[in-house]
Amino acid sequence: MLLEFTSFCGVVANITSNVAFVPQIIKSYRRKSVDDVSIGILFILFFTQICWIIYAIPVNATKLLISCAIEIFLLAPIFIM
């Protein structure tokens, strides 16, 4: 029971952390500007995801690896803009 609950929390955390960037991507795209986005926080988030990937590979944390890859993919448009 506890393992099922913690797995559920992990899935919810992965989804919500990934979806959190979508409103900013949409807003930046509509405004054609990223002036109101802190580049510092984006670099910290990017670096964090890279660290999680480095952690996830040797421990075979596939779900974490996929989540981090998705988050980096979602950060990319903001960096590009």
C-alpha atoms as a PDB file:
ATOM      1  CA  MET A   1       0.000   0.000   0.000  1.00  0.00           C
ATOM      2  CA  LEU A   2       2.754   2.459   0.953  1.00  0.00           C
ATOM      3  CA  LEU A   3       4.750   1.596  -2.181  1.00  0.00           C
ATOM      4  CA  GLU A   4       1.689   2.219  -4.355  1.00  0.00           C
ATOM      5  CA  PHE A   5       1.132   5.600  -2.687  1.00  0.00           C
ATOM      6  CA  THR A   6       4.755   6.665  -3.098  1.00  0.00           C
ATOM      7  CA  SER A   7       4.717   5.546  -6.749  1.00  0.00           C
ATOM      8  CA  PHE A   8       1.547   7.566  -7.279  1.00  0.00           C
ATOM      9  CA  CYS A   9       3.171  10.618  -5.665  1.00  0.00           C
ATOM     10  CA  GLY A  10       6.196  10.187  -7.910  1.00  0.00           C
ATOM     11  CA  VAL A  11       4.040  10.115 -11.030  1.00  0.00           C
ATOM     12  CA  VAL A  12       2.074  13.175  -9.902  1.00  0.00           C
ATOM     13  CA  ALA A  13       5.326  15.038  -9.116  1.00  0.00           C
ATOM     14  CA  ASN A  14       6.750  14.183 -12.547  1.00  0.00           C
ATOM     15  CA  ILE A  15       3.640  15.324 -14.377  1.00  0.00           C
ATOM     16  CA  THR A  16       3.175  18.553 -12.426  1.00  0.00           C
ATOM     17  CA  SER A  17       6.835  19.564 -12.665  1.00  0.00           C
ATOM     18  CA  ASN A  18       6.748  19.034 -16.417  1.00  0.00           C
ATOM     19  CA  VAL A  19       3.414  20.777 -16.970  1.00  0.00           C
ATOM     20  CA  ALA A  20       4.562  23.766 -14.903  1.00  0.00           C
ATOM     21  CA  PHE A  21       6.523  25.164 -17.860  1.00  0.00           C
ATOM     22  CA  VAL A  22       3.705  25.023 -20.402  1.00  0.00           C
ATOM     23  CA  PRO A  23       1.979  28.293 -19.334  1.00  0.00           C
ATOM     24  CA  GLN A  24       5.298  30.165 -19.538  1.00  0.00           C
ATOM     25  CA  ILE A  25       6.013  28.736 -22.983  1.00  0.00           C
ATOM     26  CA  ILE A  26       2.556  29.767 -24.212  1.00  0.00           C
ATOM     27  CA  LYS A  27       2.839  33.250 -22.680  1.00  0.00           C
ATOM     28  CA  SER A  28       6.297  33.832 -24.138  1.00  0.00           C
ATOM     29  CA  TYR A  29       5.202  32.594 -27.553  1.00  0.00           C
ATOM     30  CA  ARG A  30       2.115  34.828 -27.603  1.00  0.00           C
ATOM     31  CA  ARG A  31       4.067  37.899 -26.476  1.00  0.00           C
ATOM     32  CA  LYS A  32       7.031  37.040 -28.713  1.00  0.00           C
ATOM     33  CA  SER A  33       9.163  38.030 -25.733  1.00  0.00           C
ATOM     34  CA  VAL A  34      10.895  36.381 -22.812  1.00  0.00           C
ATOM     35  CA  ASP A  35      11.858  39.623 -21.095  1.00  0.00           C
ATOM     36  CA  ASP A  36       9.808  38.737 -18.010  1.00  0.00           C
ATOM     37  CA  VAL A  37      11.495  35.337 -17.582  1.00  0.00           C
ATOM     38  CA  SER A  38      14.450  34.997 -15.229  1.00  0.00           C
ATOM     39  CA  ILE A  39      17.253  33.366 -17.205  1.00  0.00           C
ATOM     40  CA  GLY A  40      18.964  32.523 -13.925  1.00  0.00           C
ATOM     41  CA  ILE A  41      16.144  30.306 -12.717  1.00  0.00           C
ATOM     42  CA  LEU A  42      15.975  28.599 -16.105  1.00  0.00           C
ATOM     43  CA  PHE A  43      19.677  27.755 -15.940  1.00  0.00           C
ATOM     44  CA  ILE A  44      19.249  26.433 -12.412  1.00  0.00           C
ATOM     45  CA  LEU A  45      16.310  24.276 -13.506  1.00  0.00           C
ATOM     46  CA  PHE A  46      18.261  23.039 -16.534  1.00  0.00           C
ATOM     47  CA  PHE A  47      21.307  22.216 -14.395  1.00  0.00           C
ATOM     48  CA  THR A  48      19.066  20.443 -11.870  1.00  0.00           C
ATOM     49  CA  GLN A  49      17.577  18.242 -14.588  1.00  0.00           C
ATOM     50  CA  ILE A  50      21.037  17.377 -15.920  1.00  0.00           C
ATOM     51  CA  CYS A  51      22.068  16.342 -12.386  1.00  0.00           C
ATOM     52  CA  TRP A  52      18.940  14.207 -12.035  1.00  0.00           C
ATOM     53  CA  ILE A  53      19.726  12.513 -15.355  1.00  0.00           C
ATOM     54  CA  ILE A  54      23.278  11.792 -14.209  1.00  0.00           C
ATOM     55  CA  TYR A  55      21.780  10.274 -11.055  1.00  0.00           C
ATOM     56  CA  ALA A  56      19.019   8.341 -12.846  1.00  0.00           C
ATOM     57  CA  ILE A  57      21.207   6.523 -15.369  1.00  0.00           C
ATOM     58  CA  PRO A  58      23.344   4.397 -13.005  1.00  0.00           C
ATOM     59  CA  VAL A  59      20.421   3.576 -10.682  1.00  0.00           C
ATOM     60  CA  ASN A  60      18.123   2.676 -13.607  1.00  0.00           C
ATOM     61  CA  ALA A  61      15.448   5.192 -12.608  1.00  0.00           C
ATOM     62  CA  THR A  62      13.735   5.135 -15.987  1.00  0.00           C
ATOM     63  CA  LYS A  63      10.704   7.183 -14.964  1.00  0.00           C
ATOM     64  CA  LEU A  64      12.922   9.906 -13.516  1.00  0.00           C
ATOM     65  CA  LEU A  65      15.092   9.884 -16.626  1.00  0.00           C
ATOM     66  CA  ILE A  66      12.077  10.284 -18.894  1.00  0.00           C
ATOM     67  CA  SER A  67      10.630  13.049 -16.732  1.00  0.00           C
ATOM     68  CA  CYS A  68      13.903  14.982 -16.753  1.00  0.00           C
ATOM     69  CA  ALA A  69      14.248  14.602 -20.511  1.00  0.00           C
ATOM     70  CA  ILE A  70      10.723  15.954 -20.966  1.00  0.00           C
ATOM     71  CA  GLU A  71      11.463  18.886 -18.684  1.00  0.00           C
ATOM     72  CA  ILE A  72      14.628  19.750 -20.628  1.00  0.00           C
ATOM     73  CA  PHE A  73      12.586  19.492 -23.832  1.00  0.00           C
ATOM     74  CA  LEU A  74      10.047  21.939 -22.363  1.00  0.00           C
ATOM     75  CA  LEU A  75      12.768  24.338 -21.231  1.00  0.00           C
ATOM     76  CA  ALA A  76      14.316  24.423 -24.713  1.00  0.00           C
ATOM     77  CA  PRO A  77      11.694  26.694 -26.368  1.00  0.00           C
ATOM     78  CA  ILE A  78      12.148  29.320 -23.673  1.00  0.00           C
ATOM     79  CA  PHE A  79      15.925  29.245 -24.153  1.00  0.00           C
ATOM     80  CA  ILE A  80      15.481  29.457 -27.930  1.00  0.00           C
ATOM     81  CA  MET A  81      13.085  32.409 -27.702  1.00  0.00           C
END
